[in-house]
Amino acid sequence: MAQRKTIPASGGYDIAVATEQMQDGNWAAVATVTQSTGTAQRNIDLPVPKERFATEADAENFAVRMAKEWIEKNIPSEH
């Protein structure tokens, strides 16, 4: 069964992470970045990684790191 968490991130973004244990016992995770404004919400599904992990925590941490990197690269500049 998939486990889901939402984690606040910088710049008004949230990161939704879903982890799931695969048949071989390893864990996979995917992330969605959500940007909220006063009038709208935009969801960006990040590519599904091929990496698998021995623990759920490792899978979750990888997905959060990947999402934070995406935010840093895509956040609008202030100028």
N, C-alpha and C. Protein backbone atom coordinates (compact mmCIF):
# COMPACT_ATOMS: atom_id res chain seq x y z
N MET A 1 0.84 -1.17 0.00
CA MET A 1 0.00 0.00 0.00
C MET A 1 0.89 1.25 0.00
N ALA A 2 0.55 2.22 -0.80
CA ALA A 2 1.31 3.46 -0.91
C ALA A 2 1.07 4.34 0.31
N GLN A 3 2.14 4.98 0.75
CA GLN A 3 2.07 5.94 1.85
C GLN A 3 2.28 7.34 1.26
N ARG A 4 1.49 8.31 1.69
CA ARG A 4 1.60 9.67 1.15
C ARG A 4 1.85 10.67 2.28
N LYS A 5 2.71 11.67 1.97
CA LYS A 5 3.02 12.75 2.91
C LYS A 5 3.12 14.04 2.13
N THR A 6 2.77 15.15 2.77
CA THR A 6 2.99 16.47 2.19
C THR A 6 3.95 17.22 3.09
N ILE A 7 4.98 17.80 2.46
CA ILE A 7 6.05 18.47 3.18
C ILE A 7 6.14 19.91 2.68
N PRO A 8 6.09 20.91 3.57
CA PRO A 8 6.24 22.30 3.12
C PRO A 8 7.65 22.54 2.59
N ALA A 9 7.75 23.36 1.56
CA ALA A 9 9.05 23.71 0.99
C ALA A 9 9.12 25.23 0.84
N SER A 10 10.27 25.72 0.44
CA SER A 10 10.47 27.16 0.32
C SER A 10 9.66 27.75 -0.83
N GLY A 11 9.47 29.07 -0.79
CA GLY A 11 8.84 29.78 -1.89
C GLY A 11 7.36 29.53 -2.08
N GLY A 12 6.67 29.06 -1.04
CA GLY A 12 5.25 28.80 -1.17
C GLY A 12 4.91 27.49 -1.86
N TYR A 13 5.87 26.60 -1.96
CA TYR A 13 5.66 25.30 -2.58
C TYR A 13 5.42 24.25 -1.51
N ASP A 14 4.74 23.18 -1.88
CA ASP A 14 4.62 21.98 -1.06
C ASP A 14 5.11 20.80 -1.89
N ILE A 15 5.61 19.79 -1.22
CA ILE A 15 6.07 18.57 -1.88
C ILE A 15 5.22 17.42 -1.36
N ALA A 16 4.52 16.76 -2.26
CA ALA A 16 3.75 15.57 -1.92
C ALA A 16 4.58 14.36 -2.35
N VAL A 17 4.82 13.46 -1.42
CA VAL A 17 5.63 12.27 -1.70
C VAL A 17 4.79 11.03 -1.46
N ALA A 18 4.86 10.11 -2.40
CA ALA A 18 4.21 8.80 -2.24
C ALA A 18 5.30 7.74 -2.28
N THR A 19 5.32 6.87 -1.27
CA THR A 19 6.26 5.76 -1.24
C THR A 19 5.48 4.45 -1.32
N GLU A 20 6.14 3.46 -1.90
CA GLU A 20 5.49 2.15 -2.02
C GLU A 20 6.55 1.06 -1.99
N GLN A 21 6.23 -0.01 -1.26
CA GLN A 21 7.13 -1.15 -1.22
C GLN A 21 6.84 -2.06 -2.41
N MET A 22 7.89 -2.37 -3.15
CA MET A 22 7.76 -3.20 -4.34
C MET A 22 7.74 -4.69 -3.96
N GLN A 23 7.43 -5.53 -4.93
CA GLN A 23 7.34 -6.97 -4.66
C GLN A 23 8.66 -7.55 -4.18
N ASP A 24 9.78 -6.96 -4.61
CA ASP A 24 11.09 -7.48 -4.20
C ASP A 24 11.51 -6.98 -2.82
N GLY A 25 10.66 -6.18 -2.17
CA GLY A 25 10.96 -5.68 -0.83
C GLY A 25 11.59 -4.30 -0.81
N ASN A 26 12.09 -3.84 -1.95
CA ASN A 26 12.67 -2.50 -2.02
C ASN A 26 11.58 -1.45 -2.10
N TRP A 27 11.96 -0.20 -1.85
CA TRP A 27 11.01 0.91 -1.83
C TRP A 27 11.22 1.84 -3.00
N ALA A 28 10.12 2.38 -3.51
CA ALA A 28 10.14 3.39 -4.57
C ALA A 28 9.39 4.61 -4.06
N ALA A 29 9.68 5.77 -4.66
CA ALA A 29 8.98 6.99 -4.27
C ALA A 29 8.82 7.90 -5.48
N VAL A 30 7.74 8.65 -5.48
CA VAL A 30 7.50 9.68 -6.49
C VAL A 30 7.12 10.97 -5.76
N ALA A 31 7.33 12.10 -6.45
CA ALA A 31 7.03 13.39 -5.83
C ALA A 31 6.22 14.26 -6.78
N THR A 32 5.36 15.08 -6.18
CA THR A 32 4.62 16.11 -6.89
C THR A 32 4.88 17.42 -6.18
N VAL A 33 5.24 18.44 -6.97
CA VAL A 33 5.46 19.77 -6.43
C VAL A 33 4.18 20.57 -6.64
N THR A 34 3.70 21.21 -5.58
CA THR A 34 2.49 22.04 -5.67
C THR A 34 2.85 23.48 -5.36
N GLN A 35 2.45 24.36 -6.28
CA GLN A 35 2.64 25.80 -6.10
C GLN A 35 1.27 26.43 -5.91
N SER A 36 1.09 27.12 -4.79
CA SER A 36 -0.18 27.77 -4.51
C SER A 36 -0.03 29.28 -4.57
N THR A 37 -1.02 29.92 -5.19
CA THR A 37 -1.11 31.38 -5.19
C THR A 37 -2.43 31.73 -4.53
N GLY A 38 -2.76 33.00 -4.50
CA GLY A 38 -4.01 33.41 -3.89
C GLY A 38 -5.23 32.90 -4.62
N THR A 39 -5.08 32.59 -5.91
CA THR A 39 -6.25 32.22 -6.72
C THR A 39 -6.15 30.88 -7.41
N ALA A 40 -4.99 30.25 -7.36
CA ALA A 40 -4.83 29.00 -8.13
C ALA A 40 -3.83 28.08 -7.46
N GLN A 41 -3.82 26.85 -7.96
CA GLN A 41 -2.86 25.85 -7.50
C GLN A 41 -2.35 25.09 -8.72
N ARG A 42 -1.03 24.92 -8.80
CA ARG A 42 -0.43 24.21 -9.92
C ARG A 42 0.31 23.00 -9.37
N ASN A 43 0.04 21.83 -9.95
CA ASN A 43 0.71 20.59 -9.55
C ASN A 43 1.65 20.16 -10.65
N ILE A 44 2.89 19.86 -10.28
CA ILE A 44 3.90 19.40 -11.22
C ILE A 44 4.34 18.01 -10.79
N ASP A 45 3.96 16.99 -11.56
CA ASP A 45 4.40 15.62 -11.28
C ASP A 45 5.81 15.46 -11.80
N LEU A 46 6.74 15.12 -10.92
CA LEU A 46 8.12 14.92 -11.35
C LEU A 46 8.26 13.55 -11.99
N PRO A 47 9.28 13.38 -12.85
CA PRO A 47 9.48 12.07 -13.48
C PRO A 47 9.64 10.97 -12.44
N VAL A 48 9.13 9.80 -12.77
CA VAL A 48 9.24 8.65 -11.86
C VAL A 48 10.67 8.13 -11.92
N PRO A 49 11.38 8.16 -10.79
CA PRO A 49 12.77 7.68 -10.79
C PRO A 49 12.83 6.15 -10.86
N LYS A 50 13.92 5.65 -11.42
CA LYS A 50 14.13 4.20 -11.51
C LYS A 50 14.77 3.65 -10.23
N GLU A 51 15.33 4.54 -9.41
CA GLU A 51 16.02 4.12 -8.21
C GLU A 51 15.07 3.42 -7.24
N ARG A 52 15.60 2.40 -6.57
CA ARG A 52 14.88 1.68 -5.51
C ARG A 52 15.77 1.69 -4.27
N PHE A 53 15.14 1.59 -3.11
CA PHE A 53 15.86 1.78 -1.86
C PHE A 53 15.52 0.69 -0.86
N ALA A 54 16.45 0.44 0.06
CA ALA A 54 16.26 -0.61 1.06
C ALA A 54 15.22 -0.22 2.10
N THR A 55 15.06 1.09 2.35
CA THR A 55 14.10 1.53 3.37
C THR A 55 13.14 2.57 2.79
N GLU A 56 11.99 2.67 3.43
CA GLU A 56 11.01 3.68 3.04
C GLU A 56 11.57 5.08 3.25
N ALA A 57 12.28 5.28 4.35
CA ALA A 57 12.85 6.60 4.65
C ALA A 57 13.84 7.04 3.58
N ASP A 58 14.67 6.11 3.11
CA ASP A 58 15.63 6.45 2.05
C ASP A 58 14.91 6.83 0.76
N ALA A 59 13.85 6.11 0.42
CA ALA A 59 13.08 6.42 -0.78
C ALA A 59 12.43 7.79 -0.65
N GLU A 60 11.83 8.06 0.50
CA GLU A 60 11.18 9.35 0.73
C GLU A 60 12.19 10.49 0.67
N ASN A 61 13.33 10.32 1.32
CA ASN A 61 14.36 11.36 1.32
C ASN A 61 14.85 11.66 -0.10
N PHE A 62 15.01 10.63 -0.91
CA PHE A 62 15.43 10.82 -2.29
C PHE A 62 14.41 11.65 -3.06
N ALA A 63 13.13 11.32 -2.92
CA ALA A 63 12.08 12.04 -3.64
C ALA A 63 11.99 13.49 -3.17
N VAL A 64 12.13 13.74 -1.88
CA VAL A 64 12.10 15.11 -1.36
C VAL A 64 13.29 15.90 -1.90
N ARG A 65 14.47 15.29 -1.89
CA ARG A 65 15.67 15.96 -2.43
C ARG A 65 15.48 16.31 -3.90
N MET A 66 14.94 15.37 -4.68
CA MET A 66 14.69 15.58 -6.10
C MET A 66 13.71 16.75 -6.29
N ALA A 67 12.66 16.81 -5.48
CA ALA A 67 11.67 17.88 -5.59
C ALA A 67 12.27 19.23 -5.20
N LYS A 68 13.07 19.26 -4.15
CA LYS A 68 13.70 20.52 -3.74
C LYS A 68 14.65 21.03 -4.81
N GLU A 69 15.37 20.13 -5.46
CA GLU A 69 16.24 20.53 -6.58
C GLU A 69 15.41 21.11 -7.71
N TRP A 70 14.26 20.50 -8.00
CA TRP A 70 13.39 21.01 -9.07
C TRP A 70 12.91 22.42 -8.72
N ILE A 71 12.51 22.62 -7.47
CA ILE A 71 12.04 23.94 -7.04
C ILE A 71 13.14 24.98 -7.21
N GLU A 72 14.36 24.66 -6.75
CA GLU A 72 15.47 25.61 -6.85
C GLU A 72 15.76 25.99 -8.31
N LYS A 73 15.65 25.05 -9.22
CA LYS A 73 15.92 25.31 -10.64
C LYS A 73 14.78 26.07 -11.31
N ASN A 74 13.57 25.97 -10.80
CA ASN A 74 12.41 26.49 -11.50
C ASN A 74 11.69 27.64 -10.80
N ILE A 75 12.13 28.01 -9.62
CA ILE A 75 11.47 29.10 -8.90
C ILE A 75 11.74 30.41 -9.66
N PRO A 76 10.73 31.25 -9.84
CA PRO A 76 10.94 32.51 -10.56
C PRO A 76 11.92 33.40 -9.81
N SER A 77 12.75 34.10 -10.57
CA SER A 77 13.71 35.02 -9.94
C SER A 77 12.97 36.30 -9.52
N GLU A 78 13.56 37.02 -8.61
CA GLU A 78 12.94 38.23 -8.06
C GLU A 78 13.12 39.45 -8.95
N HIS A 79 13.93 39.38 -10.02
CA HIS A 79 14.16 40.57 -10.83
C HIS A 79 13.40 40.59 -12.09
